[in-house]
Protein backbone atom coordinates (compact mmCIF):
# COMPACT_ATOMS: atom_id res chain seq x y z
CA MET A 1 -26.30 45.13 -18.08
CA ALA A 2 -27.63 43.37 -21.11
CA ASP A 3 -25.38 40.32 -20.83
CA GLU A 4 -25.52 40.22 -17.04
CA PRO A 5 -24.57 36.75 -15.76
CA ILE A 6 -27.32 34.68 -14.21
CA LEU A 7 -26.54 32.71 -11.07
CA SER A 8 -28.85 29.76 -10.64
CA GLY A 9 -29.13 26.86 -8.20
CA ALA A 10 -26.59 28.38 -5.81
CA HIS A 11 -26.71 28.70 -2.03
CA LEU A 12 -25.45 32.10 -0.91
CA LEU A 13 -24.75 33.82 2.40
CA LEU A 14 -25.18 37.59 2.50
CA THR A 15 -23.83 39.13 5.70
CA GLY A 16 -25.44 42.49 6.25
CA GLY A 17 -27.95 41.29 3.69
CA ALA A 18 -30.85 43.30 5.12
CA GLY A 19 -29.12 46.55 4.20
CA PHE A 20 -29.55 48.63 1.07
CA ILE A 21 -27.21 46.77 -1.30
CA GLY A 22 -27.94 43.38 0.29
CA THR A 23 -31.67 43.75 -0.23
CA ALA A 24 -31.24 44.75 -3.88
CA LEU A 25 -28.92 41.79 -4.42
CA ALA A 26 -31.30 39.40 -2.65
CA ARG A 27 -34.18 40.54 -4.88
CA VAL A 28 -32.22 39.48 -7.97
CA LEU A 29 -30.91 36.22 -6.50
CA LEU A 30 -34.00 34.85 -4.75
CA PRO A 31 -36.02 33.65 -7.78
CA HIS A 32 -33.33 31.10 -8.77
CA ASN A 33 -31.14 30.58 -5.68
CA ARG A 34 -31.28 29.92 -1.95
CA VAL A 35 -30.22 32.97 0.01
CA ARG A 36 -29.24 32.99 3.68
CA VAL A 37 -28.95 36.41 5.31
CA LEU A 38 -27.00 37.08 8.50
CA ASP A 39 -27.90 40.49 9.89
CA ASN A 40 -28.54 42.15 13.26
CA LEU A 41 -31.54 43.95 11.66
CA ARG A 42 -30.45 47.38 12.83
CA ARG A 43 -31.96 48.27 9.47
CA ASN A 44 -34.31 45.90 7.69
CA GLY A 45 -34.62 46.57 3.98
CA LEU A 46 -35.83 43.00 3.35
CA GLU A 47 -39.03 43.65 5.28
CA ALA A 48 -39.65 46.96 3.54
CA ALA A 49 -39.05 45.34 0.14
CA GLY A 50 -41.55 42.55 0.81
CA LEU A 51 -38.86 39.86 0.66
CA ALA A 52 -38.93 38.72 4.29
CA GLY A 53 -41.33 35.83 3.64
CA HIS A 54 -39.78 34.59 0.39
CA PRO A 55 -39.57 30.78 0.35
CA ASN A 56 -35.94 30.84 -0.81
CA LEU A 57 -34.85 33.22 1.96
CA GLU A 58 -33.44 32.13 5.32
CA LEU A 59 -32.81 34.87 7.89
CA ILE A 60 -30.38 34.48 10.77
CA VAL A 61 -30.56 37.36 13.22
CA GLY A 62 -27.09 37.69 14.70
CA ASP A 63 -23.79 39.53 14.81
CA VAL A 64 -20.74 38.87 12.61
CA ARG A 65 -18.57 39.36 15.68
CA ASP A 66 -20.00 36.10 17.07
CA GLU A 67 -17.75 33.33 15.79
CA ALA A 68 -20.24 30.52 16.41
CA VAL A 69 -23.08 32.37 14.68
CA VAL A 70 -20.90 33.06 11.64
CA ALA A 71 -19.73 29.44 11.46
CA ALA A 72 -23.34 28.25 11.46
CA ALA A 73 -24.28 30.81 8.79
CA VAL A 74 -21.46 29.74 6.47
CA GLU A 75 -22.24 26.03 6.79
CA GLY A 76 -23.50 24.56 3.51
CA VAL A 77 -23.21 27.69 1.35
CA ASP A 78 -21.08 27.95 -1.77
CA HIS A 79 -20.89 31.75 -2.14
CA VAL A 80 -20.43 34.45 0.52
CA VAL A 81 -20.98 38.18 0.01
CA HIS A 82 -19.67 39.87 3.15
CA MET A 83 -21.30 43.30 3.48
CA ALA A 84 -21.84 43.58 7.25
CA SER A 85 -20.36 46.79 8.63
CA ILE A 86 -21.11 49.97 10.53
CA ALA A 87 -22.28 52.38 7.83
CA GLY A 88 -22.53 56.15 7.59
CA VAL A 89 -19.99 58.82 8.53
CA ASP A 90 -21.96 60.12 11.51
CA THR A 91 -22.47 56.63 12.95
CA VAL A 92 -18.81 55.72 12.45
CA MET A 93 -17.61 58.87 14.19
CA LYS A 94 -19.82 58.13 17.19
CA ASN A 95 -18.81 54.45 17.34
CA PRO A 96 -15.19 54.15 16.14
CA VAL A 97 -14.27 51.10 18.25
CA THR A 98 -17.41 49.21 17.25
CA THR A 99 -16.74 50.12 13.62
CA MET A 100 -13.29 48.55 13.72
CA GLU A 101 -14.46 45.54 15.69
CA VAL A 102 -17.26 44.72 13.23
CA SER A 103 -14.90 45.07 10.26
CA LEU A 104 -11.86 43.28 11.65
CA ARG A 105 -13.35 40.58 13.85
CA GLY A 106 -16.35 40.09 11.59
CA THR A 107 -14.27 39.62 8.44
CA MET A 108 -11.84 37.29 10.20
CA ASN A 109 -14.78 35.19 11.40
CA VAL A 110 -16.25 35.01 7.88
CA LEU A 111 -12.98 34.10 6.18
CA GLU A 112 -12.01 31.53 8.79
CA ALA A 113 -15.47 29.92 8.71
CA ALA A 114 -15.34 29.74 4.91
CA ARG A 115 -11.86 28.21 5.01
CA LYS A 116 -12.88 25.58 7.55
CA ALA A 117 -16.18 24.77 5.82
CA GLY A 118 -14.52 23.91 2.52
CA GLY A 119 -16.41 24.01 -0.76
CA VAL A 120 -16.93 27.80 -0.73
CA ARG A 121 -16.44 28.87 -4.34
CA ARG A 122 -16.27 32.63 -3.79
CA VAL A 123 -16.03 35.11 -0.91
CA ILE A 124 -16.59 38.77 -1.81
CA ASP A 125 -15.34 41.22 0.81
CA PHE A 126 -16.98 44.63 0.66
CA SER A 127 -14.39 47.35 1.10
CA THR A 128 -14.91 51.07 0.48
CA SER A 129 -13.83 53.87 -1.84
CA GLU A 130 -12.71 55.72 1.30
CA VAL A 131 -9.45 53.72 1.29
CA PHE A 132 -8.19 56.36 -1.17
CA GLY A 133 -8.47 59.17 1.40
CA SER A 134 -9.54 62.78 0.87
CA TYR A 135 -8.42 63.27 -2.73
CA ALA A 136 -9.06 60.47 -5.19
CA PHE A 137 -9.04 61.43 -8.89
CA ARG A 138 -9.38 58.56 -11.38
CA VAL A 139 -7.91 56.25 -8.80
CA ARG A 140 -6.99 52.72 -9.85
CA GLU A 141 -7.05 49.66 -7.64
CA ALA A 142 -3.25 49.45 -7.62
CA ASP A 143 -2.77 53.08 -6.61
CA VAL A 144 -1.30 53.79 -3.19
CA THR A 145 -3.99 54.33 -0.57
CA SER A 146 -3.66 57.46 1.55
CA LEU A 147 -5.52 57.56 4.84
CA GLY A 148 -6.00 60.23 7.49
CA ALA A 149 -4.18 60.79 10.73
CA VAL A 150 -4.28 58.28 13.56
CA GLY A 151 -6.87 59.35 16.12
CA GLU A 152 -9.14 61.05 13.59
CA ALA A 153 -12.38 59.06 13.83
CA ARG A 154 -13.42 60.06 10.28
CA TRP A 155 -10.93 57.55 8.85
CA THR A 156 -11.69 54.65 11.19
CA TYR A 157 -13.97 52.96 8.67
CA ALA A 158 -11.48 53.28 5.81
CA VAL A 159 -8.56 51.94 7.88
CA SER A 160 -10.55 48.90 9.00
CA LYS A 161 -11.78 48.18 5.46
CA LEU A 162 -8.30 48.39 3.98
CA ALA A 163 -7.19 45.87 6.59
CA THR A 164 -10.01 43.48 5.65
CA GLU A 165 -9.01 43.73 1.97
CA HIS A 166 -5.49 42.63 2.88
CA LEU A 167 -6.94 39.87 5.01
CA ALA A 168 -9.18 38.57 2.22
CA HIS A 169 -6.37 38.62 -0.32
CA ASN A 170 -4.04 36.81 2.07
CA TYR A 171 -6.59 34.05 2.61
CA TRP A 172 -6.39 33.50 -1.14
CA LYS A 173 -2.58 33.57 -1.16
CA GLN A 174 -2.05 31.40 1.91
CA TYR A 175 -5.08 29.10 1.92
CA GLN A 176 -6.34 29.29 -1.69
CA LEU A 177 -9.73 30.48 -0.44
CA PRO A 178 -11.18 32.15 -3.59
CA THR A 179 -11.70 35.73 -2.45
CA CYS A 180 -12.04 39.14 -4.06
CA ALA A 181 -12.88 42.65 -2.86
CA ILE A 182 -15.23 45.33 -4.12
CA ARG A 183 -14.82 49.04 -3.46
CA PRO A 184 -18.20 50.75 -4.03
CA PHE A 185 -18.21 54.42 -5.01
CA ASN A 186 -21.29 56.28 -3.70
CA ILE A 187 -24.15 53.89 -4.37
CA TYR A 188 -27.71 55.26 -4.45
CA GLY A 189 -31.18 54.32 -5.64
CA PRO A 190 -34.63 53.04 -4.66
CA GLY A 191 -34.69 51.28 -1.33
CA GLN A 192 -31.80 53.19 0.20
CA ILE A 193 -31.98 53.19 3.97
CA GLY A 194 -29.93 54.98 6.61
CA GLU A 195 -27.50 57.78 5.87
CA GLY A 196 -26.53 59.02 2.41
CA ALA A 197 -26.72 62.30 0.52
CA VAL A 198 -29.14 61.20 -2.21
CA HIS A 199 -31.49 59.62 0.36
CA ALA A 200 -31.44 62.75 2.54
CA PHE A 201 -31.80 65.17 -0.38
CA VAL A 202 -34.69 63.30 -2.01
CA VAL A 203 -36.65 62.87 1.22
CA ARG A 204 -36.31 66.56 2.08
CA ALA A 205 -37.01 67.73 -1.48
CA LEU A 206 -40.25 65.76 -1.66
CA ALA A 207 -41.32 67.21 1.70
CA GLY A 208 -40.35 70.74 0.64
CA ASP A 209 -37.92 70.95 3.57
CA PRO A 210 -34.58 72.81 3.43
CA ILE A 211 -31.64 70.76 2.14
CA GLN A 212 -28.42 71.21 4.09
CA ILE A 213 -24.99 70.78 2.52
CA HIS A 214 -21.61 71.05 4.23
CA ASN A 215 -19.55 74.22 3.74
CA GLU A 216 -19.68 75.29 0.06
CA GLY A 217 -20.93 71.96 -1.27
CA ASP A 218 -17.93 71.81 -3.61
CA GLN A 219 -17.03 68.22 -2.65
CA ILE A 220 -16.96 66.07 -5.80
CA ARG A 221 -18.46 62.59 -6.02
CA SER A 222 -19.22 59.97 -8.68
CA TRP A 223 -22.64 58.38 -8.14
CA CYS A 224 -23.42 54.76 -9.02
CA TYR A 225 -26.99 53.44 -9.32
CA ILE A 226 -27.91 50.38 -7.28
CA ASP A 227 -28.72 48.14 -10.28
CA ASP A 228 -25.22 48.66 -11.64
CA ILE A 229 -23.43 47.47 -8.51
CA VAL A 230 -25.72 44.43 -8.27
CA GLY A 231 -24.66 43.52 -11.80
CA ALA A 232 -21.01 43.93 -10.79
CA ILE A 233 -21.46 41.65 -7.76
CA LEU A 234 -23.00 38.93 -9.93
CA ARG A 235 -20.00 39.13 -12.24
CA ALA A 236 -17.56 38.95 -9.33
CA LEU A 237 -19.40 35.85 -8.10
CA THR A 238 -19.33 34.04 -11.42
CA ARG A 239 -16.08 35.03 -13.17
CA VAL A 240 -12.88 33.19 -12.29
CA GLU A 241 -10.92 36.31 -13.27
CA ALA A 242 -12.25 38.00 -10.12
CA ILE A 243 -10.36 35.75 -7.72
CA GLY A 244 -7.55 37.47 -5.85
CA GLN A 245 -8.51 40.93 -7.13
CA SER A 246 -9.92 44.22 -5.84
CA PHE A 247 -12.36 46.17 -8.00
CA ASN A 248 -13.51 49.78 -8.06
CA ILE A 249 -17.25 49.76 -8.77
CA GLY A 250 -18.67 53.14 -9.69
CA ASN A 251 -19.77 55.43 -12.50
CA PRO A 252 -17.23 58.16 -13.33
CA ARG A 253 -19.64 59.61 -15.92
CA SER A 254 -22.03 60.57 -13.11
CA THR A 255 -19.69 63.01 -11.36
CA VAL A 256 -20.97 66.26 -9.79
CA THR A 257 -20.37 68.48 -6.78
CA ILE A 258 -22.63 68.01 -3.77
CA TYR A 259 -24.17 71.42 -4.51
CA GLN A 260 -24.93 70.35 -8.10
CA LEU A 261 -26.43 67.12 -6.79
CA ALA A 262 -28.74 69.01 -4.44
CA ARG A 263 -29.87 71.35 -7.25
CA LEU A 264 -30.45 68.40 -9.57
CA VAL A 265 -32.60 66.60 -6.99
CA VAL A 266 -34.65 69.75 -6.36
CA ARG A 267 -35.22 70.24 -10.10
CA LEU A 268 -36.12 66.63 -10.87
CA ALA A 269 -38.45 66.44 -7.88
CA GLY A 270 -40.18 69.69 -8.85
CA SER A 271 -39.43 70.86 -5.32
CA SER A 272 -39.39 74.30 -3.72
CA SER A 273 -36.78 73.25 -1.14
CA GLU A 274 -34.19 75.84 -0.18
CA ILE A 275 -30.52 74.79 -0.22
CA ARG A 276 -28.71 75.84 2.94
CA PHE A 277 -24.96 75.83 3.58
CA VAL A 278 -23.87 74.68 7.04
CA LYS A 279 -20.41 74.82 8.56
CA TRP A 280 -18.66 71.44 8.83
CA ASP A 281 -15.33 71.43 10.67
CA TYR A 282 -14.56 67.73 10.34
CA PRO A 283 -12.31 66.07 7.73
CA ASP A 284 -14.16 65.11 4.58
CA VAL A 285 -13.60 63.42 1.22
CA GLU A 286 -13.14 66.35 -1.15
CA LEU A 287 -12.73 64.44 -4.43
CA ARG A 288 -13.70 60.87 -5.29
CA ILE A 289 -13.74 59.64 -8.91
CA PRO A 290 -12.90 56.02 -9.73
CA ASP A 291 -11.02 54.47 -12.59
CA VAL A 292 -13.13 51.39 -13.44
CA LYS A 293 -11.11 50.01 -16.35
CA LYS A 294 -10.00 46.96 -14.37
CA ALA A 295 -13.59 45.94 -13.64
CA GLU A 296 -14.43 46.57 -17.29
CA ARG A 297 -11.50 44.42 -18.45
CA LEU A 298 -11.80 41.48 -16.03
CA LEU A 299 -15.52 41.50 -15.18
CA GLY A 300 -17.05 43.06 -18.28
CA PHE A 301 -18.58 45.67 -15.95
CA ARG A 302 -19.65 49.10 -17.12
CA ALA A 303 -22.23 51.20 -15.31
CA GLU A 304 -25.25 51.88 -17.51
CA ILE A 305 -27.55 54.17 -15.52
CA ASP A 306 -26.55 57.83 -15.77
CA LEU A 307 -27.20 60.24 -12.93
CA GLU A 308 -30.34 62.04 -14.13
CA ASP A 309 -32.01 58.76 -15.06
CA GLY A 310 -31.05 57.15 -11.76
CA LEU A 311 -32.18 60.13 -9.71
CA ALA A 312 -35.50 60.28 -11.58
CA ARG A 313 -36.12 56.59 -10.80
CA THR A 314 -35.10 57.12 -7.18
CA ILE A 315 -37.33 60.17 -6.73
CA GLU A 316 -40.29 58.31 -8.26
CA TRP A 317 -39.75 55.39 -5.86
CA TYR A 318 -39.69 57.68 -2.82
CA ARG A 319 -42.71 59.60 -4.10
CA SER A 320 -44.71 56.38 -4.48
CA ARG A 321 -43.78 55.38 -0.92
CA THR A 322 -44.84 58.70 0.60
CA GLY A 323 -47.97 59.18 -1.50
């Protein structure tokens, strides 16, 4: 964003900061700020991005479930962006207890450490667009969240994230710890690691391999480019209006079905990949489009990178990495 706020001279903690969004955020912050990252390095985007040896970066390898490790990581920082979580539908479904433990215990550790440390000017809790359930059309932050049945592992992540949002907001209400929450809607772009449709489609398209989509591929998503969410995070860190709020961060203009997304990737990559439909019997998010007017009003946020542009940049990045 043209008038994107610049944070300078700050000391920040990024939990889960070696992940996709954390690495992109660190790249923007590091030239003018000290950045401490707490991560178990299950995935290490910092290394791949060439940031691991940056003089302003401090890396603590540890787990957010460890209270002592979190307390040490929070010490001396004035901003916390809490992104650590178990990511990806397949991983969540295989590890539902761990997913909840990382979200609930990890967030409690971060909030309590920030409260006890004193002097923390902002804590951003990363939630998820999945708190809106299977059908989410132009959903606003104040809309009622609708989650799946108890015992269905697909919704474990969403349930735990909704709980951490309540927790973060209540630390503001009860202890005046300046918190806010961000709900990302389908973030993609260069540097993406792990699971994710755009990542999988681009990698397979560039290799000429078949691209698999679930059922008819008629699930609808709004896709938000990585640079846009980084800009939103910077605004949430620097604007007093963010305190005590939750924000949808996404790009409703970049809305397509999964089948359309696959075709778009194939076309932009100049690929010969075949698109294959595979049966998927598990619950899924059928429709997910955010209303982002609140973020526009309070943060001055509006996504700028449209889908074709973002996908073209992403494809070029992957192509340069694979030769």
